[in-house]
Amino acid sequence: MPKPEIELTESEWILIKAIWEAEPCTAPDIQQKLAKQTAWTYSTVRTLMDRMVTKGLLKADKQRSPTIYHSAVSRAQAQKGELLYALKHAFNGALSPMVQCLLDTKNVTADDLDQIKE
């Protein structure tokens, strides 16, 4: 059975990016790291991180106090899931209109095209 695609909420994206930069980390580490960006309290961050563990997005080592968290998904896996979600929901699975939309919306440079060809 194929692995389900990863779909992150906006809050989960904020957290996972901070976790990728700081792992291994604790909820207080992440709450402090995000203090300027969000108004999330420690309990909010801890609850969100525990939910991400339940969803299989994070791993938690509860042998220590405070709990140590690690990402369970890579940046590439999360990006792929986000892209496939947009393809499915915004473009009804049609790849050509999605690519055309990206090309029309973003100024594509010669370097961008060279990287795509590689």
N, C-alpha and C. Protein backbone atom coordinates (compact mmCIF):
# COMPACT_ATOMS: atom_id res chain seq x y z
N MET A 1 0.85 -1.18 0.00
CA MET A 1 0.00 0.00 0.00
C MET A 1 0.89 1.24 0.00
N PRO A 2 0.65 2.20 -0.89
CA PRO A 2 1.51 3.38 -0.95
C PRO A 2 1.39 4.22 0.32
N LYS A 3 2.51 4.84 0.65
CA LYS A 3 2.56 5.71 1.82
C LYS A 3 1.70 6.94 1.56
N PRO A 4 0.84 7.33 2.52
CA PRO A 4 0.02 8.52 2.30
C PRO A 4 0.89 9.77 2.20
N GLU A 5 0.45 10.68 1.38
CA GLU A 5 1.21 11.93 1.21
C GLU A 5 1.11 12.77 2.47
N ILE A 6 2.15 13.51 2.73
CA ILE A 6 2.23 14.37 3.91
C ILE A 6 1.52 15.68 3.61
N GLU A 7 0.59 16.04 4.47
CA GLU A 7 -0.11 17.32 4.35
C GLU A 7 0.02 18.04 5.68
N LEU A 8 0.68 19.18 5.66
CA LEU A 8 0.91 19.97 6.86
C LEU A 8 -0.03 21.17 6.90
N THR A 9 -0.49 21.49 8.10
CA THR A 9 -1.26 22.72 8.28
C THR A 9 -0.27 23.89 8.30
N GLU A 10 -0.80 25.09 8.26
CA GLU A 10 0.07 26.27 8.32
C GLU A 10 0.89 26.29 9.61
N SER A 11 0.26 25.97 10.72
CA SER A 11 0.96 25.93 12.01
C SER A 11 2.04 24.85 12.01
N GLU A 12 1.73 23.69 11.42
CA GLU A 12 2.72 22.61 11.36
C GLU A 12 3.91 23.01 10.50
N TRP A 13 3.68 23.76 9.43
CA TRP A 13 4.79 24.25 8.61
C TRP A 13 5.71 25.16 9.43
N ILE A 14 5.10 26.06 10.19
CA ILE A 14 5.90 26.97 11.03
C ILE A 14 6.76 26.16 11.99
N LEU A 15 6.15 25.18 12.64
CA LEU A 15 6.87 24.36 13.61
C LEU A 15 7.95 23.50 12.96
N ILE A 16 7.60 22.80 11.89
CA ILE A 16 8.57 21.86 11.30
C ILE A 16 9.79 22.60 10.76
N LYS A 17 9.61 23.80 10.22
CA LYS A 17 10.76 24.58 9.74
C LYS A 17 11.68 24.93 10.91
N ALA A 18 11.10 25.33 12.02
CA ALA A 18 11.90 25.65 13.21
C ALA A 18 12.59 24.40 13.75
N ILE A 19 11.89 23.28 13.72
CA ILE A 19 12.45 22.02 14.22
C ILE A 19 13.60 21.57 13.33
N TRP A 20 13.44 21.65 12.01
CA TRP A 20 14.53 21.27 11.10
C TRP A 20 15.79 22.07 11.39
N GLU A 21 15.64 23.33 11.76
CA GLU A 21 16.80 24.18 12.04
C GLU A 21 17.43 23.89 13.40
N ALA A 22 16.65 23.35 14.34
CA ALA A 22 17.12 23.24 15.72
C ALA A 22 17.26 21.82 16.25
N GLU A 23 16.85 20.82 15.47
CA GLU A 23 16.79 19.47 16.03
C GLU A 23 18.16 18.90 16.35
N PRO A 24 18.21 18.07 17.40
CA PRO A 24 17.13 17.73 18.33
C PRO A 24 16.78 18.94 19.19
N CYS A 25 15.51 19.01 19.58
CA CYS A 25 15.05 20.19 20.31
C CYS A 25 13.92 19.82 21.27
N THR A 26 13.59 20.78 22.11
CA THR A 26 12.48 20.62 23.06
C THR A 26 11.39 21.63 22.71
N ALA A 27 10.22 21.44 23.28
CA ALA A 27 9.13 22.40 23.06
C ALA A 27 9.52 23.80 23.54
N PRO A 28 10.18 23.92 24.72
CA PRO A 28 10.61 25.27 25.12
C PRO A 28 11.60 25.91 24.13
N ASP A 29 12.49 25.09 23.55
CA ASP A 29 13.42 25.61 22.53
C ASP A 29 12.65 26.22 21.36
N ILE A 30 11.64 25.49 20.89
CA ILE A 30 10.88 25.93 19.72
C ILE A 30 9.99 27.12 20.07
N GLN A 31 9.40 27.10 21.24
CA GLN A 31 8.56 28.23 21.66
C GLN A 31 9.40 29.50 21.71
N GLN A 32 10.60 29.40 22.26
CA GLN A 32 11.49 30.56 22.33
C GLN A 32 11.94 31.00 20.93
N LYS A 33 12.25 30.03 20.07
CA LYS A 33 12.69 30.33 18.70
C LYS A 33 11.60 31.06 17.92
N LEU A 34 10.33 30.72 18.19
CA LEU A 34 9.21 31.30 17.45
C LEU A 34 8.55 32.49 18.16
N ALA A 35 9.09 32.91 19.29
CA ALA A 35 8.46 33.96 20.10
C ALA A 35 8.23 35.26 19.32
N LYS A 36 9.17 35.64 18.46
CA LYS A 36 9.01 36.88 17.69
C LYS A 36 8.03 36.71 16.53
N GLN A 37 7.89 35.48 16.05
CA GLN A 37 7.06 35.19 14.88
C GLN A 37 5.61 34.88 15.26
N THR A 38 5.41 34.27 16.43
CA THR A 38 4.06 33.88 16.86
C THR A 38 3.84 34.33 18.30
N ALA A 39 2.60 34.29 18.72
CA ALA A 39 2.28 34.60 20.12
C ALA A 39 1.97 33.30 20.87
N TRP A 40 2.50 32.18 20.37
CA TRP A 40 2.20 30.88 20.96
C TRP A 40 2.86 30.73 22.32
N THR A 41 2.09 30.22 23.26
CA THR A 41 2.62 29.91 24.58
C THR A 41 3.31 28.55 24.54
N TYR A 42 4.00 28.22 25.62
CA TYR A 42 4.64 26.90 25.71
C TYR A 42 3.61 25.80 25.53
N SER A 43 2.46 25.92 26.19
CA SER A 43 1.46 24.85 26.12
C SER A 43 0.91 24.69 24.70
N THR A 44 0.78 25.78 23.97
CA THR A 44 0.33 25.70 22.58
C THR A 44 1.35 24.95 21.73
N VAL A 45 2.62 25.31 21.87
CA VAL A 45 3.69 24.66 21.11
C VAL A 45 3.76 23.18 21.48
N ARG A 46 3.71 22.87 22.75
CA ARG A 46 3.78 21.47 23.20
C ARG A 46 2.60 20.66 22.66
N THR A 47 1.40 21.22 22.71
CA THR A 47 0.22 20.53 22.19
C THR A 47 0.36 20.27 20.70
N LEU A 48 0.77 21.29 19.94
CA LEU A 48 0.95 21.13 18.50
C LEU A 48 2.01 20.08 18.19
N MET A 49 3.11 20.11 18.92
CA MET A 49 4.19 19.15 18.68
C MET A 49 3.73 17.73 19.02
N ASP A 50 3.00 17.57 20.10
CA ASP A 50 2.48 16.25 20.46
C ASP A 50 1.51 15.73 19.41
N ARG A 51 0.70 16.61 18.85
CA ARG A 51 -0.21 16.20 17.76
C ARG A 51 0.59 15.79 16.52
N MET A 52 1.70 16.48 16.27
CA MET A 52 2.54 16.13 15.13
C MET A 52 3.20 14.77 15.34
N VAL A 53 3.49 14.42 16.59
CA VAL A 53 4.00 13.08 16.90
C VAL A 53 2.94 12.04 16.56
N THR A 54 1.71 12.30 16.99
CA THR A 54 0.60 11.39 16.72
C THR A 54 0.39 11.20 15.21
N LYS A 55 0.58 12.27 14.44
CA LYS A 55 0.41 12.20 12.99
C LYS A 55 1.62 11.59 12.28
N GLY A 56 2.69 11.31 13.03
CA GLY A 56 3.88 10.72 12.43
C GLY A 56 4.82 11.73 11.80
N LEU A 57 4.63 13.00 12.11
CA LEU A 57 5.49 14.06 11.56
C LEU A 57 6.74 14.29 12.40
N LEU A 58 6.64 14.00 13.69
CA LEU A 58 7.76 14.15 14.62
C LEU A 58 7.94 12.85 15.40
N LYS A 59 9.15 12.68 15.94
CA LYS A 59 9.44 11.60 16.88
C LYS A 59 9.76 12.26 18.21
N ALA A 60 9.34 11.62 19.30
CA ALA A 60 9.57 12.19 20.63
C ALA A 60 10.28 11.19 21.52
N ASP A 61 11.33 11.65 22.19
CA ASP A 61 12.03 10.85 23.19
C ASP A 61 11.54 11.33 24.54
N LYS A 62 10.59 10.58 25.11
CA LYS A 62 9.98 10.98 26.38
C LYS A 62 10.73 10.40 27.57
N GLN A 63 11.88 9.76 27.33
CA GLN A 63 12.70 9.23 28.42
C GLN A 63 13.35 10.37 29.21
N ARG A 64 13.46 11.50 28.57
CA ARG A 64 14.09 12.66 29.20
C ARG A 64 13.04 13.71 29.50
N SER A 65 13.41 14.61 30.38
CA SER A 65 12.53 15.74 30.67
C SER A 65 13.37 17.00 30.50
N PRO A 66 12.98 17.92 29.67
CA PRO A 66 11.79 17.90 28.81
C PRO A 66 11.97 16.94 27.63
N THR A 67 10.87 16.60 27.00
CA THR A 67 10.86 15.69 25.86
C THR A 67 11.72 16.25 24.72
N ILE A 68 12.50 15.35 24.12
CA ILE A 68 13.34 15.72 22.98
C ILE A 68 12.60 15.32 21.70
N TYR A 69 12.49 16.26 20.76
CA TYR A 69 11.79 16.02 19.50
C TYR A 69 12.77 16.02 18.32
N HIS A 70 12.45 15.17 17.34
CA HIS A 70 13.17 15.10 16.06
C HIS A 70 12.12 15.05 14.96
N SER A 71 12.46 15.55 13.79
CA SER A 71 11.53 15.44 12.67
C SER A 71 11.49 13.99 12.20
N ALA A 72 10.32 13.56 11.76
CA ALA A 72 10.14 12.22 11.20
C ALA A 72 9.96 12.29 9.69
N VAL A 73 9.92 13.50 9.17
CA VAL A 73 9.79 13.71 7.72
C VAL A 73 10.86 14.70 7.27
N SER A 74 11.33 14.48 6.08
CA SER A 74 12.35 15.39 5.53
C SER A 74 11.68 16.59 4.89
N ARG A 75 12.48 17.58 4.64
CA ARG A 75 12.00 18.78 3.94
C ARG A 75 11.45 18.38 2.56
N ALA A 76 12.15 17.49 1.87
CA ALA A 76 11.71 17.05 0.53
C ALA A 76 10.37 16.33 0.60
N GLN A 77 10.17 15.48 1.60
CA GLN A 77 8.89 14.78 1.75
C GLN A 77 7.75 15.77 1.99
N ALA A 78 7.99 16.76 2.84
CA ALA A 78 6.96 17.75 3.15
C ALA A 78 6.65 18.60 1.92
N GLN A 79 7.68 19.00 1.20
CA GLN A 79 7.48 19.80 -0.01
C GLN A 79 6.71 19.01 -1.06
N LYS A 80 7.05 17.75 -1.22
CA LYS A 80 6.35 16.89 -2.18
C LYS A 80 4.87 16.78 -1.81
N GLY A 81 4.60 16.57 -0.52
CA GLY A 81 3.21 16.47 -0.08
C GLY A 81 2.43 17.74 -0.36
N GLU A 82 3.05 18.87 -0.11
CA GLU A 82 2.40 20.17 -0.35
C GLU A 82 2.12 20.37 -1.84
N LEU A 83 3.09 20.02 -2.65
CA LEU A 83 2.94 20.16 -4.10
C LEU A 83 1.83 19.26 -4.63
N LEU A 84 1.80 18.00 -4.17
CA LEU A 84 0.77 17.07 -4.62
C LEU A 84 -0.62 17.49 -4.13
N TYR A 85 -0.67 18.08 -2.93
CA TYR A 85 -1.94 18.59 -2.41
C TYR A 85 -2.48 19.69 -3.33
N ALA A 86 -1.60 20.63 -3.70
CA ALA A 86 -2.01 21.72 -4.59
C ALA A 86 -2.41 21.18 -5.96
N LEU A 87 -1.65 20.22 -6.47
CA LEU A 87 -1.98 19.62 -7.76
C LEU A 87 -3.36 18.99 -7.73
N LYS A 88 -3.64 18.25 -6.67
CA LYS A 88 -4.92 17.56 -6.54
C LYS A 88 -6.08 18.52 -6.35
N HIS A 89 -5.93 19.47 -5.44
CA HIS A 89 -7.05 20.32 -5.04
C HIS A 89 -7.23 21.56 -5.91
N ALA A 90 -6.15 22.18 -6.32
CA ALA A 90 -6.28 23.42 -7.08
C ALA A 90 -6.33 23.18 -8.59
N PHE A 91 -5.75 22.06 -9.03
CA PHE A 91 -5.66 21.82 -10.48
C PHE A 91 -6.31 20.50 -10.89
N ASN A 92 -7.08 19.90 -9.99
CA ASN A 92 -7.78 18.64 -10.29
C ASN A 92 -6.86 17.57 -10.87
N GLY A 93 -5.60 17.57 -10.42
CA GLY A 93 -4.65 16.56 -10.87
C GLY A 93 -4.01 16.83 -12.22
N ALA A 94 -4.33 17.95 -12.84
CA ALA A 94 -3.78 18.27 -14.16
C ALA A 94 -2.45 19.01 -14.02
N LEU A 95 -1.38 18.35 -14.42
CA LEU A 95 -0.03 18.88 -14.24
C LEU A 95 0.27 20.08 -15.15
N SER A 96 -0.11 20.01 -16.41
CA SER A 96 0.21 21.09 -17.36
C SER A 96 -0.30 22.45 -16.91
N PRO A 97 -1.58 22.58 -16.49
CA PRO A 97 -2.04 23.89 -16.02
C PRO A 97 -1.29 24.38 -14.78
N MET A 98 -0.88 23.44 -13.93
CA MET A 98 -0.14 23.83 -12.73
C MET A 98 1.22 24.40 -13.11
N VAL A 99 1.93 23.70 -13.98
CA VAL A 99 3.25 24.17 -14.42
C VAL A 99 3.11 25.51 -15.15
N GLN A 100 2.11 25.63 -16.01
CA GLN A 100 1.89 26.88 -16.74
C GLN A 100 1.61 28.02 -15.77
N CYS A 101 0.82 27.76 -14.75
CA CYS A 101 0.52 28.78 -13.73
C CYS A 101 1.80 29.23 -13.03
N LEU A 102 2.66 28.28 -12.67
CA LEU A 102 3.93 28.62 -12.04
C LEU A 102 4.80 29.47 -12.97
N LEU A 103 4.87 29.07 -14.22
CA LEU A 103 5.68 29.82 -15.19
C LEU A 103 5.13 31.22 -15.42
N ASP A 104 3.80 31.35 -15.44
CA ASP A 104 3.17 32.66 -15.65
C ASP A 104 3.30 33.56 -14.43
N THR A 105 3.33 32.97 -13.26
CA THR A 105 3.32 33.73 -12.01
C THR A 105 4.71 34.14 -11.56
N LYS A 106 5.67 33.29 -11.78
CA LYS A 106 7.02 33.51 -11.29
C LYS A 106 7.93 33.87 -12.45
N ASN A 107 8.78 34.86 -12.25
CA ASN A 107 9.76 35.20 -13.28
C ASN A 107 10.82 34.11 -13.32
N VAL A 108 10.79 33.29 -14.35
CA VAL A 108 11.72 32.18 -14.48
C VAL A 108 12.98 32.67 -15.18
N THR A 109 14.11 32.41 -14.54
CA THR A 109 15.39 32.83 -15.11
C THR A 109 16.00 31.68 -15.91
N ALA A 110 17.03 32.01 -16.67
CA ALA A 110 17.76 30.98 -17.42
C ALA A 110 18.38 29.97 -16.46
N ASP A 111 18.86 30.46 -15.31
CA ASP A 111 19.42 29.55 -14.29
C ASP A 111 18.35 28.59 -13.78
N ASP A 112 17.14 29.10 -13.55
CA ASP A 112 16.04 28.24 -13.11
C ASP A 112 15.80 27.12 -14.13
N LEU A 113 15.75 27.48 -15.40
CA LEU A 113 15.51 26.49 -16.45
C LEU A 113 16.64 25.48 -16.53
N ASP A 114 17.88 25.94 -16.36
CA ASP A 114 19.02 25.02 -16.36
C ASP A 114 18.92 24.02 -15.21
N GLN A 115 18.53 24.50 -14.03
CA GLN A 115 18.37 23.61 -12.87
C GLN A 115 17.26 22.60 -13.09
N ILE A 116 16.18 23.02 -13.73
CA ILE A 116 15.07 22.12 -14.01
C ILE A 116 15.52 21.02 -14.98
N LYS A 117 16.32 21.39 -15.98
CA LYS A 117 16.80 20.42 -16.96
C LYS A 117 17.70 19.37 -16.33
N GLU A 118 18.44 19.77 -15.30
CA GLU A 118 19.35 18.83 -14.62
C GLU A 118 18.52 17.84 -13.88
